[in-house]
């Protein structure tokens, strides 16, 4: 199992735990699953967040 899969499973399980008893369970699980997937891909080196942060800083300077 690579970091993407581990973080996706972890995000989904946290989403299920947070969603117990709430009406927005689908949205909560979707958000936590997406966050887990992005973090896992970043740990695997498939997502470059430095470029994204750099472009956001450049926009704020204008």
PDB file of N, CA and C in Angstrom:
ATOM      1  N   UNK A   1       0.840  -1.179   0.000  1.00  0.00           N
ATOM      2  CA  UNK A   1       0.000   0.000   0.000  1.00  0.00           C
ATOM      3  C   UNK A   1       0.885   1.242   0.000  1.00  0.00           C
ATOM      4  N   UNK A   2       0.599   2.163  -0.899  1.00  0.00           N
ATOM      5  CA  UNK A   2       1.386   3.390  -0.929  1.00  0.00           C
ATOM      6  C   UNK A   2       0.724   4.464  -0.071  1.00  0.00           C
ATOM      7  N   UNK A   3       1.357   5.602   0.039  1.00  0.00           N
ATOM      8  CA  UNK A   3       0.875   6.671   0.915  1.00  0.00           C
ATOM      9  C   UNK A   3      -0.473   7.212   0.452  1.00  0.00           C
ATOM     10  N   UNK A   4      -0.708   7.232  -0.859  1.00  0.00           N
ATOM     11  CA  UNK A   4      -1.992   7.709  -1.360  1.00  0.00           C
ATOM     12  C   UNK A   4      -3.125   6.850  -0.845  1.00  0.00           C
ATOM     13  N   UNK A   5      -2.977   5.553  -0.931  1.00  0.00           N
ATOM     14  CA  UNK A   5      -4.036   4.638  -0.497  1.00  0.00           C
ATOM     15  C   UNK A   5      -4.234   4.699   1.018  1.00  0.00           C
ATOM     16  N   UNK A   6      -3.146   4.773   1.755  1.00  0.00           N
ATOM     17  CA  UNK A   6      -3.243   4.837   3.219  1.00  0.00           C
ATOM     18  C   UNK A   6      -3.950   6.111   3.655  1.00  0.00           C
ATOM     19  N   UNK A   7      -3.568   7.240   3.073  1.00  0.00           N
ATOM     20  CA  UNK A   7      -4.188   8.510   3.461  1.00  0.00           C
ATOM     21  C   UNK A   7      -5.639   8.588   3.002  1.00  0.00           C
ATOM     22  N   UNK A   8      -5.975   7.989   1.859  1.00  0.00           N
ATOM     23  CA  UNK A   8      -7.357   7.966   1.415  1.00  0.00           C
ATOM     24  C   UNK A   8      -8.212   7.164   2.381  1.00  0.00           C
ATOM     25  N   UNK A   9      -7.738   5.992   2.790  1.00  0.00           N
ATOM     26  CA  UNK A   9      -8.472   5.165   3.747  1.00  0.00           C
ATOM     27  C   UNK A   9      -8.589   5.886   5.093  1.00  0.00           C
ATOM     28  N   UNK A  10      -7.521   6.522   5.512  1.00  0.00           N
ATOM     29  CA  UNK A  10      -7.554   7.254   6.772  1.00  0.00           C
ATOM     30  C   UNK A  10      -8.545   8.417   6.700  1.00  0.00           C
ATOM     31  N   UNK A  11      -8.541   9.142   5.605  1.00  0.00           N
ATOM     32  CA  UNK A  11      -9.479  10.240   5.439  1.00  0.00           C
ATOM     33  C   UNK A  11     -10.922   9.769   5.413  1.00  0.00           C
ATOM     34  N   UNK A  12     -11.177   8.658   4.735  1.00  0.00           N
ATOM     35  CA  UNK A  12     -12.527   8.120   4.699  1.00  0.00           C
ATOM     36  C   UNK A  12     -12.984   7.635   6.069  1.00  0.00           C
ATOM     37  N   UNK A  13     -12.091   6.999   6.797  1.00  0.00           N
ATOM     38  CA  UNK A  13     -12.479   6.529   8.131  1.00  0.00           C
ATOM     39  C   UNK A  13     -12.731   7.698   9.081  1.00  0.00           C
ATOM     40  N   UNK A  14     -11.934   8.761   8.986  1.00  0.00           N
ATOM     41  CA  UNK A  14     -12.187   9.952   9.791  1.00  0.00           C
ATOM     42  C   UNK A  14     -13.509  10.602   9.393  1.00  0.00           C
ATOM     43  N   UNK A  15     -13.798  10.567   8.116  1.00  0.00           N
ATOM     44  CA  UNK A  15     -15.064  11.106   7.636  1.00  0.00           C
ATOM     45  C   UNK A  15     -16.245  10.329   8.183  1.00  0.00           C
ATOM     46  N   UNK A  16     -16.146   9.007   8.186  1.00  0.00           N
ATOM     47  CA  UNK A  16     -17.216   8.196   8.761  1.00  0.00           C
ATOM     48  C   UNK A  16     -17.381   8.486  10.245  1.00  0.00           C
ATOM     49  N   UNK A  17     -16.280   8.638  10.940  1.00  0.00           N
ATOM     50  CA  UNK A  17     -16.358   8.930  12.374  1.00  0.00           C
ATOM     51  C   UNK A  17     -16.983  10.299  12.624  1.00  0.00           C
ATOM     52  N   UNK A  18     -16.652  11.282  11.814  1.00  0.00           N
ATOM     53  CA  UNK A  18     -17.204  12.621  11.984  1.00  0.00           C
ATOM     54  C   UNK A  18     -18.666  12.695  11.555  1.00  0.00           C
ATOM     55  N   UNK A  19     -19.062  11.823  10.644  1.00  0.00           N
ATOM     56  CA  UNK A  19     -20.407  11.885  10.087  1.00  0.00           C
ATOM     57  C   UNK A  19     -21.449  11.126  10.905  1.00  0.00           C
ATOM     58  N   UNK A  20     -21.042  10.362  11.876  1.00  0.00           N
ATOM     59  CA  UNK A  20     -22.013   9.595  12.656  1.00  0.00           C
ATOM     60  C   UNK A  20     -23.006  10.544  13.296  1.00  0.00           C
ATOM     61  N   UNK A  21     -24.265  10.418  12.940  1.00  0.00           N
ATOM     62  CA  UNK A  21     -25.315  11.232  13.530  1.00  0.00           C
ATOM     63  C   UNK A  21     -25.624  12.502  12.781  1.00  0.00           C
ATOM     64  N   UNK A  22     -24.854  12.842  11.775  1.00  0.00           N
ATOM     65  CA  UNK A  22     -25.099  14.078  11.035  1.00  0.00           C
ATOM     66  C   UNK A  22     -25.856  13.829   9.741  1.00  0.00           C
ATOM     67  N   UNK A  23     -26.616  14.822   9.295  1.00  0.00           N
ATOM     68  CA  UNK A  23     -27.367  14.688   8.049  1.00  0.00           C
ATOM     69  C   UNK A  23     -26.485  14.894   6.821  1.00  0.00           C
ATOM     70  N   UNK A  24     -25.376  15.592   6.992  1.00  0.00           N
ATOM     71  CA  UNK A  24     -24.481  15.842   5.862  1.00  0.00           C
ATOM     72  C   UNK A  24     -23.374  14.815   5.775  1.00  0.00           C
ATOM     73  N   UNK A  25     -23.688  13.560   6.061  1.00  0.00           N
ATOM     74  CA  UNK A  25     -22.666  12.513   6.099  1.00  0.00           C
ATOM     75  C   UNK A  25     -21.924  12.383   4.768  1.00  0.00           C
ATOM     76  N   UNK A  26     -22.654  12.446   3.683  1.00  0.00           N
ATOM     77  CA  UNK A  26     -22.014  12.290   2.376  1.00  0.00           C
ATOM     78  C   UNK A  26     -20.984  13.389   2.142  1.00  0.00           C
ATOM     79  N   UNK A  27     -21.351  14.625   2.455  1.00  0.00           N
ATOM     80  CA  UNK A  27     -20.437  15.750   2.229  1.00  0.00           C
ATOM     81  C   UNK A  27     -19.204  15.655   3.118  1.00  0.00           C
ATOM     82  N   UNK A  28     -19.408  15.254   4.369  1.00  0.00           N
ATOM     83  CA  UNK A  28     -18.274  15.144   5.293  1.00  0.00           C
ATOM     84  C   UNK A  28     -17.306  14.066   4.824  1.00  0.00           C
ATOM     85  N   UNK A  29     -17.823  12.909   4.423  1.00  0.00           N
ATOM     86  CA  UNK A  29     -16.964  11.820   3.952  1.00  0.00           C
ATOM     87  C   UNK A  29     -16.264  12.221   2.657  1.00  0.00           C
ATOM     88  N   UNK A  30     -16.966  12.915   1.792  1.00  0.00           N
ATOM     89  CA  UNK A  30     -16.354  13.365   0.543  1.00  0.00           C
ATOM     90  C   UNK A  30     -15.207  14.339   0.806  1.00  0.00           C
ATOM     91  N   UNK A  31     -15.395  15.261   1.727  1.00  0.00           N
ATOM     92  CA  UNK A  31     -14.357  16.240   2.057  1.00  0.00           C
ATOM     93  C   UNK A  31     -13.144  15.558   2.684  1.00  0.00           C
ATOM     94  N   UNK A  32     -13.377  14.711   3.684  1.00  0.00           N
ATOM     95  CA  UNK A  32     -12.252  14.026   4.330  1.00  0.00           C
ATOM     96  C   UNK A  32     -11.551  13.068   3.366  1.00  0.00           C
ATOM     97  N   UNK A  33     -12.306  12.390   2.535  1.00  0.00           N
ATOM     98  CA  UNK A  33     -11.695  11.502   1.547  1.00  0.00           C
ATOM     99  C   UNK A  33     -10.846  12.267   0.553  1.00  0.00           C
ATOM    100  N   UNK A  34     -11.348  13.415   0.097  1.00  0.00           N
ATOM    101  CA  UNK A  34     -10.584  14.245  -0.831  1.00  0.00           C
ATOM    102  C   UNK A  34      -9.309  14.786  -0.206  1.00  0.00           C
ATOM    103  N   UNK A  35      -9.418  15.234   1.037  1.00  0.00           N
ATOM    104  CA  UNK A  35      -8.222  15.715   1.740  1.00  0.00           C
ATOM    105  C   UNK A  35      -7.199  14.593   1.916  1.00  0.00           C
ATOM    106  N   UNK A  36      -7.675  13.423   2.283  1.00  0.00           N
ATOM    107  CA  UNK A  36      -6.769  12.280   2.431  1.00  0.00           C
ATOM    108  C   UNK A  36      -6.092  11.919   1.125  1.00  0.00           C
ATOM    109  N   UNK A  37      -6.844  11.987   0.042  1.00  0.00           N
ATOM    110  CA  UNK A  37      -6.283  11.674  -1.272  1.00  0.00           C
ATOM    111  C   UNK A  37      -5.219  12.688  -1.674  1.00  0.00           C
ATOM    112  N   UNK A  38      -5.492  13.972  -1.472  1.00  0.00           N
ATOM    113  CA  UNK A  38      -4.520  15.017  -1.828  1.00  0.00           C
ATOM    114  C   UNK A  38      -3.256  14.889  -0.984  1.00  0.00           C
ATOM    115  N   UNK A  39      -3.416  14.651   0.308  1.00  0.00           N
ATOM    116  CA  UNK A  39      -2.242  14.496   1.184  1.00  0.00           C
ATOM    117  C   UNK A  39      -1.435  13.271   0.783  1.00  0.00           C
ATOM    118  N   UNK A  40      -2.099  12.187   0.472  1.00  0.00           N
ATOM    119  CA  UNK A  40      -1.396  10.979   0.041  1.00  0.00           C
ATOM    120  C   UNK A  40      -0.647  11.174  -1.255  1.00  0.00           C
ATOM    121  N   UNK A  41      -1.277  11.834  -2.210  1.00  0.00           N
ATOM    122  CA  UNK A  41      -0.591  12.103  -3.482  1.00  0.00           C
ATOM    123  C   UNK A  41       0.596  13.026  -3.282  1.00  0.00           C
ATOM    124  N   UNK A  42       0.460  13.987  -2.354  1.00  0.00           N
ATOM    125  CA  UNK A  42       1.577  14.887  -2.050  1.00  0.00           C
ATOM    126  C   UNK A  42       2.730  14.096  -1.433  1.00  0.00           C
ATOM    127  N   UNK A  43       2.419  13.166  -0.528  1.00  0.00           N
ATOM    128  CA  UNK A  43       3.465  12.350   0.084  1.00  0.00           C
ATOM    129  C   UNK A  43       4.132  11.428  -0.925  1.00  0.00           C
ATOM    130  N   UNK A  44       3.386  10.981  -1.943  1.00  0.00           N
ATOM    131  CA  UNK A  44       3.955  10.143  -2.997  1.00  0.00           C
ATOM    132  C   UNK A  44       4.745  10.949  -4.018  1.00  0.00           C
ATOM    133  N   UNK A  45       4.645  12.279  -3.945  1.00  0.00           N
ATOM    134  CA  UNK A  45       5.372  13.131  -4.884  1.00  0.00           C
ATOM    135  C   UNK A  45       4.641  13.355  -6.189  1.00  0.00           C
ATOM    136  N   UNK A  46       3.341  13.063  -6.247  1.00  0.00           N
ATOM    137  CA  UNK A  46       2.579  13.238  -7.470  1.00  0.00           C
ATOM    138  C   UNK A  46       1.941  14.620  -7.565  1.00  0.00           C
ATOM    139  N   UNK A  47       1.914  15.364  -6.465  1.00  0.00           N
ATOM    140  CA  UNK A  47       1.327  16.707  -6.440  1.00  0.00           C
ATOM    141  C   UNK A  47       2.393  17.674  -5.952  1.00  0.00           C
ATOM    142  N   UNK A  48       2.582  18.776  -6.700  1.00  0.00           N
ATOM    143  CA  UNK A  48       3.564  19.787  -6.330  1.00  0.00           C
ATOM    144  C   UNK A  48       2.839  20.988  -5.749  1.00  0.00           C
ATOM    145  N   UNK A  49       2.803  21.072  -4.425  1.00  0.00           N
ATOM    146  CA  UNK A  49       2.113  22.169  -3.763  1.00  0.00           C
ATOM    147  C   UNK A  49       2.932  23.456  -3.769  1.00  0.00           C
ATOM    148  N   UNK A  50       4.235  23.374  -3.959  1.00  0.00           N
ATOM    149  CA  UNK A  50       5.064  24.578  -3.946  1.00  0.00           C
ATOM    150  C   UNK A  50       4.726  25.479  -5.130  1.00  0.00           C
ATOM    151  N   UNK A  51       4.442  24.911  -6.276  1.00  0.00           N
ATOM    152  CA  UNK A  51       4.044  25.699  -7.424  1.00  0.00           C
ATOM    153  C   UNK A  51       2.708  26.388  -7.201  1.00  0.00           C
ATOM    154  N   UNK A  52       1.791  25.686  -6.556  1.00  0.00           N
ATOM    155  CA  UNK A  52       0.484  26.261  -6.251  1.00  0.00           C
ATOM    156  C   UNK A  52       0.615  27.401  -5.255  1.00  0.00           C
ATOM    157  N   UNK A  53       1.425  27.211  -4.232  1.00  0.00           N
ATOM    158  CA  UNK A  53       1.630  28.253  -3.233  1.00  0.00           C
ATOM    159  C   UNK A  53       2.346  29.462  -3.828  1.00  0.00           C
ATOM    160  N   UNK A  54       3.312  29.200  -4.693  1.00  0.00           N
ATOM    161  CA  UNK A  54       4.050  30.281  -5.337  1.00  0.00           C
ATOM    162  C   UNK A  54       3.123  31.131  -6.195  1.00  0.00           C
ATOM    163  N   UNK A  55       2.224  30.500  -6.958  1.00  0.00           N
ATOM    164  CA  UNK A  55       1.323  31.265  -7.812  1.00  0.00           C
ATOM    165  C   UNK A  55       0.307  32.055  -6.973  1.00  0.00           C
ATOM    166  N   UNK A  56      -0.093  31.528  -5.835  1.00  0.00           N
ATOM    167  CA  UNK A  56      -1.007  32.264  -4.949  1.00  0.00           C
ATOM    168  C   UNK A  56      -0.309  33.479  -4.350  1.00  0.00           C
ATOM    169  N   UNK A  57       0.964  33.333  -4.010  1.00  0.00           N
ATOM    170  CA  UNK A  57       1.727  34.463  -3.461  1.00  0.00           C
ATOM    171  C   UNK A  57       1.924  35.531  -4.540  1.00  0.00           C
ATOM    172  N   UNK A  58       2.165  35.102  -5.766  1.00  0.00           N
ATOM    173  CA  UNK A  58       2.351  36.070  -6.855  1.00  0.00           C
ATOM    174  C   UNK A  58       1.073  36.866  -7.095  1.00  0.00           C
ATOM    175  N   UNK A  59      -0.079  36.211  -7.004  1.00  0.00           N
ATOM    176  CA  UNK A  59      -1.348  36.903  -7.200  1.00  0.00           C
ATOM    177  C   UNK A  59      -1.623  37.900  -6.085  1.00  0.00           C
ATOM    178  N   UNK A  60      -1.209  37.560  -4.870  1.00  0.00           N
ATOM    179  CA  UNK A  60      -1.472  38.460  -3.733  1.00  0.00           C
ATOM    180  C   UNK A  60      -0.584  39.702  -3.779  1.00  0.00           C
ATOM    181  N   UNK A  61       0.534  39.621  -4.454  1.00  0.00           N
ATOM    182  CA  UNK A  61       1.458  40.765  -4.551  1.00  0.00           C
ATOM    183  C   UNK A  61       0.979  41.799  -5.560  1.00  0.00           C
ATOM    184  N   UNK A  62       0.089  41.412  -6.452  1.00  0.00           N
ATOM    185  CA  UNK A  62      -0.375  42.338  -7.511  1.00  0.00           C
ATOM    186  C   UNK A  62      -1.319  43.349  -6.987  1.00  0.00           C
TER     187      UNK A  62
END
